Amino acid sequence: MSTQKEIYGQTKNSVIAQFKKLKPLYAGKSNLIIMRVLSDAQMMMDAKKYKTANQFINIAKLLLGNKI
C-alpha cells in the first residue's frame, strides 16, 4: 500500500489546503486549478519525470473526486 506522500508527493490534507488557498485567486473556478495541475503533469512527462507526472495526475483526480 502506498503512502499519501508517494501518491500525491505530499499529504492529502496539504493538497486540499493548497487548493483552498488557490481557489480565490482563480475566481473560484476549480476547473482552472485542475487544468493547471494536469498541465504540470504534461510538463513532467515531457521531462521524463514520470513519477512526478503521476503524482500531479493523482492530485487532479483527488480534486475532481472531492467537492471542495
C-alpha atoms as a PDB file:
ATOM      1  CA  MET A   1       0.000   0.000   0.000  1.00  0.00           C
ATOM      2  CA  SER A   2       1.305   3.428  -0.943  1.00  0.00           C
ATOM      3  CA  THR A   3       1.587   6.357   1.400  1.00  0.00           C
ATOM      4  CA  GLN A   4      -0.032   9.712   0.698  1.00  0.00           C
ATOM      5  CA  LYS A   5       3.398  11.223   0.016  1.00  0.00           C
ATOM      6  CA  GLU A   6       4.076   8.557  -2.617  1.00  0.00           C
ATOM      7  CA  ILE A   7       0.650   9.054  -4.204  1.00  0.00           C
ATOM      8  CA  TYR A   8       0.479  12.879  -4.168  1.00  0.00           C
ATOM      9  CA  GLY A   9       4.044  13.973  -3.381  1.00  0.00           C
ATOM     10  CA  GLN A  10       2.623  15.450  -0.163  1.00  0.00           C
ATOM     11  CA  THR A  11      -0.182  14.667   2.255  1.00  0.00           C
ATOM     12  CA  LYS A  12      -3.799  14.717   1.149  1.00  0.00           C
ATOM     13  CA  ASN A  13      -4.528  17.470   3.682  1.00  0.00           C
ATOM     14  CA  SER A  14      -1.703  19.567   2.236  1.00  0.00           C
ATOM     15  CA  VAL A  15      -3.114  19.178  -1.296  1.00  0.00           C
ATOM     16  CA  ILE A  16      -6.558  20.265  -0.140  1.00  0.00           C
ATOM     17  CA  ALA A  17      -5.180  23.190   1.880  1.00  0.00           C
ATOM     18  CA  GLN A  18      -3.222  24.457  -1.131  1.00  0.00           C
ATOM     19  CA  PHE A  19      -6.298  24.078  -3.326  1.00  0.00           C
ATOM     20  CA  LYS A  20      -8.428  26.103  -0.915  1.00  0.00           C
ATOM     21  CA  LYS A  21      -5.736  28.797  -0.817  1.00  0.00           C
ATOM     22  CA  LEU A  22      -5.555  28.996  -4.627  1.00  0.00           C
ATOM     23  CA  LYS A  23      -9.304  28.875  -5.301  1.00  0.00           C
ATOM     24  CA  PRO A  24      -9.951  32.599  -4.633  1.00  0.00           C
ATOM     25  CA  LEU A  25      -7.073  33.530  -6.970  1.00  0.00           C
ATOM     26  CA  TYR A  26      -8.826  31.620  -9.764  1.00  0.00           C
ATOM     27  CA  ALA A  27     -12.180  33.341  -9.100  1.00  0.00           C
ATOM     28  CA  GLY A  28     -13.498  30.146  -7.534  1.00  0.00           C
ATOM     29  CA  LYS A  29     -13.046  28.220 -10.790  1.00  0.00           C
ATOM     30  CA  SER A  30     -11.902  24.794  -9.593  1.00  0.00           C
ATOM     31  CA  ASN A  31     -11.601  23.522 -13.148  1.00  0.00           C
ATOM     32  CA  LEU A  32      -8.865  26.070 -13.924  1.00  0.00           C
ATOM     33  CA  ILE A  33      -6.780  24.843 -10.992  1.00  0.00           C
ATOM     34  CA  ILE A  34      -7.214  21.226 -12.057  1.00  0.00           C
ATOM     35  CA  MET A  35      -6.278  22.116 -15.643  1.00  0.00           C
ATOM     36  CA  ARG A  36      -3.105  23.760 -14.314  1.00  0.00           C
ATOM     37  CA  VAL A  37      -2.239  20.608 -12.353  1.00  0.00           C
ATOM     38  CA  LEU A  38      -2.727  18.489 -15.478  1.00  0.00           C
ATOM     39  CA  SER A  39      -0.539  20.896 -17.470  1.00  0.00           C
ATOM     40  CA  ASP A  40       2.155  20.418 -14.833  1.00  0.00           C
ATOM     41  CA  ALA A  41       1.788  16.650 -15.302  1.00  0.00           C
ATOM     42  CA  GLN A  42       2.295  17.067 -19.065  1.00  0.00           C
ATOM     43  CA  MET A  43       5.452  19.094 -18.462  1.00  0.00           C
ATOM     44  CA  MET A  44       6.797  16.379 -16.171  1.00  0.00           C
ATOM     45  CA  MET A  45       6.079  13.726 -18.814  1.00  0.00           C
ATOM     46  CA  ASP A  46       7.968  15.783 -21.402  1.00  0.00           C
ATOM     47  CA  ALA A  47      10.879  15.937 -18.954  1.00  0.00           C
ATOM     48  CA  LYS A  48      10.620  12.149 -18.444  1.00  0.00           C
ATOM     49  CA  LYS A  49       9.790  12.608 -14.750  1.00  0.00           C
ATOM     50  CA  TYR A  50       7.060  10.020 -14.774  1.00  0.00           C
ATOM     51  CA  LYS A  51       6.691   9.553 -11.020  1.00  0.00           C
ATOM     52  CA  THR A  52       6.146  13.288 -10.533  1.00  0.00           C
ATOM     53  CA  ALA A  53       3.744  13.359 -13.504  1.00  0.00           C
ATOM     54  CA  ASN A  54       1.775  10.538 -11.916  1.00  0.00           C
ATOM     55  CA  GLN A  55       1.622  12.456  -8.633  1.00  0.00           C
ATOM     56  CA  PHE A  56       0.188  15.501 -10.431  1.00  0.00           C
ATOM     57  CA  ILE A  57      -2.409  13.280 -12.111  1.00  0.00           C
ATOM     58  CA  ASN A  58      -3.317  11.788  -8.718  1.00  0.00           C
ATOM     59  CA  ILE A  59      -3.712  15.311  -7.317  1.00  0.00           C
ATOM     60  CA  ALA A  60      -6.070  16.193 -10.182  1.00  0.00           C
ATOM     61  CA  LYS A  61      -8.099  13.038  -9.520  1.00  0.00           C
ATOM     62  CA  LEU A  62      -8.259  13.873  -5.809  1.00  0.00           C
ATOM     63  CA  LEU A  63      -9.526  17.380  -6.548  1.00  0.00           C
ATOM     64  CA  LEU A  64     -12.056  16.117  -9.097  1.00  0.00           C
ATOM     65  CA  GLY A  65     -13.305  13.476  -6.698  1.00  0.00           C
ATOM     66  CA  ASN A  66     -13.816  15.854  -3.790  1.00  0.00           C
ATOM     67  CA  LYS A  67     -16.308  18.671  -3.971  1.00  0.00           C
ATOM     68  CA  ILE A  68     -14.248  21.309  -2.177  1.00  0.00           C
END
